[in-house]
Amino acid sequence: MFLTPDTERVQLADGRPAAAVTDYLDERFWRSTNPEGVRRAGNYHRTFSTYLTALHNAGFHLEEAIEPEANDLLAQQQPLYSRVPIFFAARVRLR
């Protein structure tokens, strides 16, 4: 969810790192243009609601959800992740 197609890293007027997300609703296969990036093999972008709806439709109940903060090393290496979670995790149980 947080690494989406065509997202650009930008800097706000106050110097904070940010992500300019465009085409979030366009669910599709994509590859990062960053040769050092984690998406070299490609990824299927889906909206958050698509994931939650699929879990619900498959009979799962959401028990817990987290959006962890970056540890100090990652935040230093990738300042954007000091403000934006790098991933979403959830615990679900079949009803």
N, C-alpha and C. Protein backbone atom coordinates (compact mmCIF):
# COMPACT_ATOMS: atom_id res chain seq x y z
N MET A 1 0.81 -1.20 0.00
CA MET A 1 0.00 0.00 0.00
C MET A 1 0.85 1.27 0.00
N PHE A 2 1.99 1.20 0.67
CA PHE A 2 2.75 2.42 0.86
C PHE A 2 3.79 2.64 -0.23
N LEU A 3 4.11 1.60 -0.97
CA LEU A 3 4.97 1.73 -2.14
C LEU A 3 4.08 1.49 -3.35
N THR A 4 3.60 2.55 -3.94
CA THR A 4 2.62 2.45 -5.01
C THR A 4 3.22 2.87 -6.35
N PRO A 5 2.58 2.46 -7.44
CA PRO A 5 3.10 2.86 -8.76
C PRO A 5 3.18 4.38 -8.88
N ASP A 6 4.26 4.84 -9.45
CA ASP A 6 4.45 6.26 -9.78
C ASP A 6 4.53 7.19 -8.58
N THR A 7 4.75 6.65 -7.38
CA THR A 7 4.94 7.50 -6.21
C THR A 7 6.28 8.21 -6.32
N GLU A 8 6.28 9.48 -6.00
CA GLU A 8 7.53 10.25 -6.02
C GLU A 8 7.85 10.73 -4.62
N ARG A 9 9.12 10.61 -4.27
CA ARG A 9 9.57 11.16 -2.99
C ARG A 9 9.80 12.65 -3.19
N VAL A 10 9.22 13.43 -2.29
CA VAL A 10 9.33 14.88 -2.38
C VAL A 10 9.73 15.43 -1.01
N GLN A 11 10.07 16.68 -0.99
CA GLN A 11 10.39 17.34 0.27
C GLN A 11 9.40 18.49 0.46
N LEU A 12 8.77 18.54 1.61
CA LEU A 12 7.82 19.60 1.91
C LEU A 12 8.55 20.91 2.15
N ALA A 13 7.83 22.01 2.15
CA ALA A 13 8.44 23.32 2.32
C ALA A 13 9.21 23.43 3.64
N ASP A 14 8.77 22.68 4.66
CA ASP A 14 9.46 22.73 5.95
C ASP A 14 10.61 21.73 6.05
N GLY A 15 10.92 21.03 4.93
CA GLY A 15 12.05 20.11 4.89
C GLY A 15 11.72 18.66 5.19
N ARG A 16 10.49 18.39 5.62
CA ARG A 16 10.12 17.00 5.92
C ARG A 16 9.99 16.19 4.64
N PRO A 17 10.42 14.91 4.68
CA PRO A 17 10.24 14.04 3.51
C PRO A 17 8.78 13.64 3.38
N ALA A 18 8.33 13.43 2.15
CA ALA A 18 6.95 13.05 1.91
C ALA A 18 6.88 12.20 0.64
N ALA A 19 5.75 11.59 0.45
CA ALA A 19 5.51 10.80 -0.76
C ALA A 19 4.32 11.39 -1.49
N ALA A 20 4.51 11.69 -2.76
CA ALA A 20 3.42 12.17 -3.60
C ALA A 20 2.83 10.95 -4.30
N VAL A 21 1.68 10.50 -3.83
CA VAL A 21 1.05 9.30 -4.35
C VAL A 21 0.04 9.69 -5.42
N THR A 22 0.21 9.13 -6.60
CA THR A 22 -0.75 9.34 -7.69
C THR A 22 -1.22 7.98 -8.17
N ASP A 23 -2.36 7.92 -8.76
CA ASP A 23 -2.90 6.69 -9.33
C ASP A 23 -3.03 5.55 -8.31
N TYR A 24 -3.27 5.90 -7.04
CA TYR A 24 -3.44 4.89 -5.99
C TYR A 24 -4.57 3.93 -6.34
N LEU A 25 -5.62 4.42 -6.96
CA LEU A 25 -6.79 3.60 -7.27
C LEU A 25 -6.58 2.69 -8.47
N ASP A 26 -5.49 2.88 -9.20
CA ASP A 26 -5.18 2.07 -10.38
C ASP A 26 -4.48 0.79 -9.95
N GLU A 27 -5.24 -0.30 -9.79
CA GLU A 27 -4.68 -1.58 -9.36
C GLU A 27 -4.03 -2.26 -10.56
N ARG A 28 -2.71 -2.51 -10.43
CA ARG A 28 -1.99 -3.05 -11.57
C ARG A 28 -0.63 -3.59 -11.15
N PHE A 29 -0.02 -4.34 -12.07
CA PHE A 29 1.35 -4.80 -11.89
C PHE A 29 2.29 -3.63 -12.16
N TRP A 30 3.37 -3.55 -11.39
CA TRP A 30 4.35 -2.49 -11.61
C TRP A 30 5.71 -2.94 -11.10
N ARG A 31 6.73 -2.26 -11.61
CA ARG A 31 8.11 -2.44 -11.15
C ARG A 31 8.68 -1.08 -10.78
N SER A 32 9.48 -1.07 -9.75
CA SER A 32 10.14 0.17 -9.35
C SER A 32 11.18 0.55 -10.39
N THR A 33 11.33 1.83 -10.62
CA THR A 33 12.38 2.31 -11.52
C THR A 33 13.71 2.45 -10.79
N ASN A 34 13.70 2.27 -9.46
CA ASN A 34 14.91 2.37 -8.66
C ASN A 34 15.70 1.06 -8.78
N PRO A 35 16.90 1.08 -9.39
CA PRO A 35 17.66 -0.16 -9.56
C PRO A 35 18.08 -0.79 -8.23
N GLU A 36 18.09 -0.01 -7.16
CA GLU A 36 18.44 -0.53 -5.83
C GLU A 36 17.18 -0.85 -5.02
N GLY A 37 16.02 -0.63 -5.60
CA GLY A 37 14.76 -0.79 -4.87
C GLY A 37 14.38 -2.24 -4.63
N VAL A 38 13.41 -2.41 -3.74
CA VAL A 38 12.97 -3.75 -3.35
C VAL A 38 11.96 -4.33 -4.33
N ARG A 39 11.50 -3.58 -5.30
CA ARG A 39 10.47 -4.04 -6.21
C ARG A 39 11.03 -4.38 -7.59
N ARG A 40 12.29 -4.78 -7.68
CA ARG A 40 12.88 -5.11 -8.97
C ARG A 40 12.14 -6.24 -9.67
N ALA A 41 11.62 -7.21 -8.89
CA ALA A 41 10.91 -8.34 -9.47
C ALA A 41 9.48 -7.98 -9.85
N GLY A 42 9.00 -6.89 -9.34
CA GLY A 42 7.65 -6.45 -9.64
C GLY A 42 6.69 -6.72 -8.49
N ASN A 43 5.55 -6.08 -8.55
CA ASN A 43 4.58 -6.14 -7.48
C ASN A 43 3.20 -5.82 -8.04
N TYR A 44 2.19 -6.41 -7.47
CA TYR A 44 0.82 -6.05 -7.83
C TYR A 44 0.28 -5.08 -6.81
N HIS A 45 0.03 -3.86 -7.21
CA HIS A 45 -0.54 -2.86 -6.31
C HIS A 45 -2.04 -3.10 -6.19
N ARG A 46 -2.52 -3.12 -4.96
CA ARG A 46 -3.95 -3.19 -4.67
C ARG A 46 -4.25 -2.16 -3.61
N THR A 47 -5.46 -1.64 -3.60
CA THR A 47 -5.85 -0.68 -2.58
C THR A 47 -6.06 -1.40 -1.25
N PHE A 48 -6.01 -0.65 -0.18
CA PHE A 48 -6.23 -1.18 1.15
C PHE A 48 -7.61 -1.83 1.23
N SER A 49 -8.60 -1.17 0.65
CA SER A 49 -9.96 -1.73 0.69
C SER A 49 -10.07 -3.05 -0.06
N THR A 50 -9.30 -3.24 -1.11
CA THR A 50 -9.30 -4.51 -1.84
C THR A 50 -8.81 -5.63 -0.94
N TYR A 51 -7.74 -5.39 -0.20
CA TYR A 51 -7.22 -6.41 0.72
C TYR A 51 -8.22 -6.73 1.82
N LEU A 52 -8.77 -5.70 2.45
CA LEU A 52 -9.72 -5.94 3.55
C LEU A 52 -10.98 -6.64 3.06
N THR A 53 -11.49 -6.25 1.92
CA THR A 53 -12.69 -6.88 1.37
C THR A 53 -12.43 -8.34 1.03
N ALA A 54 -11.27 -8.65 0.47
CA ALA A 54 -10.93 -10.03 0.15
C ALA A 54 -10.88 -10.89 1.41
N LEU A 55 -10.29 -10.37 2.47
CA LEU A 55 -10.25 -11.11 3.73
C LEU A 55 -11.66 -11.34 4.27
N HIS A 56 -12.47 -10.31 4.25
CA HIS A 56 -13.86 -10.43 4.73
C HIS A 56 -14.64 -11.45 3.89
N ASN A 57 -14.53 -11.36 2.58
CA ASN A 57 -15.25 -12.27 1.69
C ASN A 57 -14.80 -13.72 1.84
N ALA A 58 -13.57 -13.93 2.28
CA ALA A 58 -13.06 -15.27 2.49
C ALA A 58 -13.41 -15.81 3.89
N GLY A 59 -14.13 -15.00 4.66
CA GLY A 59 -14.61 -15.46 5.96
C GLY A 59 -13.69 -15.15 7.13
N PHE A 60 -12.78 -14.20 6.96
CA PHE A 60 -11.87 -13.85 8.04
C PHE A 60 -12.39 -12.67 8.85
N HIS A 61 -12.00 -12.65 10.12
CA HIS A 61 -12.31 -11.57 11.05
C HIS A 61 -11.00 -10.90 11.44
N LEU A 62 -10.94 -9.59 11.35
CA LEU A 62 -9.74 -8.84 11.71
C LEU A 62 -9.61 -8.80 13.23
N GLU A 63 -8.48 -9.28 13.75
CA GLU A 63 -8.23 -9.25 15.19
C GLU A 63 -7.32 -8.10 15.60
N GLU A 64 -6.34 -7.81 14.77
CA GLU A 64 -5.38 -6.76 15.11
C GLU A 64 -4.74 -6.24 13.84
N ALA A 65 -4.41 -4.97 13.82
CA ALA A 65 -3.71 -4.36 12.69
C ALA A 65 -2.64 -3.43 13.23
N ILE A 66 -1.48 -3.42 12.56
CA ILE A 66 -0.41 -2.52 12.95
C ILE A 66 0.23 -1.89 11.72
N GLU A 67 0.77 -0.70 11.92
CA GLU A 67 1.56 0.01 10.92
C GLU A 67 2.83 0.45 11.64
N PRO A 68 3.82 -0.44 11.72
CA PRO A 68 4.99 -0.17 12.56
C PRO A 68 5.83 1.01 12.08
N GLU A 69 6.39 1.69 13.06
CA GLU A 69 7.33 2.77 12.77
C GLU A 69 8.68 2.16 12.40
N ALA A 70 9.43 2.89 11.62
CA ALA A 70 10.77 2.44 11.23
C ALA A 70 11.68 2.45 12.46
N ASN A 71 12.61 1.50 12.48
CA ASN A 71 13.61 1.56 13.54
C ASN A 71 14.58 2.71 13.21
N ASP A 72 15.48 3.01 14.13
CA ASP A 72 16.37 4.16 13.96
C ASP A 72 17.24 4.05 12.71
N LEU A 73 17.76 2.86 12.43
CA LEU A 73 18.63 2.68 11.26
C LEU A 73 17.87 2.93 9.97
N LEU A 74 16.69 2.34 9.83
CA LEU A 74 15.90 2.54 8.61
C LEU A 74 15.49 4.00 8.47
N ALA A 75 15.07 4.63 9.55
CA ALA A 75 14.68 6.04 9.49
C ALA A 75 15.85 6.93 9.07
N GLN A 76 17.05 6.55 9.49
CA GLN A 76 18.23 7.32 9.09
C GLN A 76 18.53 7.10 7.61
N GLN A 77 18.42 5.86 7.14
CA GLN A 77 18.71 5.54 5.74
C GLN A 77 17.61 6.01 4.79
N GLN A 78 16.37 5.93 5.24
CA GLN A 78 15.21 6.30 4.43
C GLN A 78 14.32 7.24 5.24
N PRO A 79 14.63 8.53 5.30
CA PRO A 79 13.90 9.47 6.17
C PRO A 79 12.38 9.47 5.97
N LEU A 80 11.91 9.15 4.79
CA LEU A 80 10.47 9.11 4.56
C LEU A 80 9.79 8.17 5.54
N TYR A 81 10.45 7.05 5.85
CA TYR A 81 9.83 6.04 6.71
C TYR A 81 9.81 6.42 8.18
N SER A 82 10.36 7.58 8.51
CA SER A 82 10.19 8.07 9.88
C SER A 82 8.81 8.70 10.03
N ARG A 83 8.13 8.92 8.90
CA ARG A 83 6.80 9.57 8.90
C ARG A 83 5.71 8.71 8.26
N VAL A 84 6.11 7.69 7.49
CA VAL A 84 5.17 6.83 6.77
C VAL A 84 5.53 5.38 7.07
N PRO A 85 4.56 4.55 7.44
CA PRO A 85 4.90 3.14 7.71
C PRO A 85 5.43 2.45 6.47
N ILE A 86 6.35 1.53 6.67
CA ILE A 86 6.90 0.80 5.54
C ILE A 86 5.98 -0.36 5.15
N PHE A 87 5.16 -0.84 6.08
CA PHE A 87 4.21 -1.90 5.74
C PHE A 87 3.04 -1.89 6.72
N PHE A 88 2.04 -2.64 6.37
CA PHE A 88 0.85 -2.86 7.18
C PHE A 88 0.80 -4.36 7.49
N ALA A 89 0.50 -4.69 8.71
CA ALA A 89 0.37 -6.11 9.09
C ALA A 89 -0.93 -6.30 9.84
N ALA A 90 -1.51 -7.46 9.67
CA ALA A 90 -2.77 -7.75 10.35
C ALA A 90 -2.82 -9.21 10.78
N ARG A 91 -3.52 -9.41 11.88
CA ARG A 91 -3.81 -10.79 12.32
C ARG A 91 -5.30 -11.01 12.09
N VAL A 92 -5.61 -12.05 11.36
CA VAL A 92 -7.01 -12.38 11.07
C VAL A 92 -7.29 -13.82 11.50
N ARG A 93 -8.54 -14.09 11.75
CA ARG A 93 -8.95 -15.44 12.15
C ARG A 93 -10.18 -15.83 11.34
N LEU A 94 -10.18 -17.06 10.89
CA LEU A 94 -11.33 -17.57 10.15
C LEU A 94 -12.53 -17.65 11.10
N ARG A 95 -13.64 -17.08 10.67
CA ARG A 95 -14.84 -17.06 11.52
C ARG A 95 -15.44 -18.43 11.64
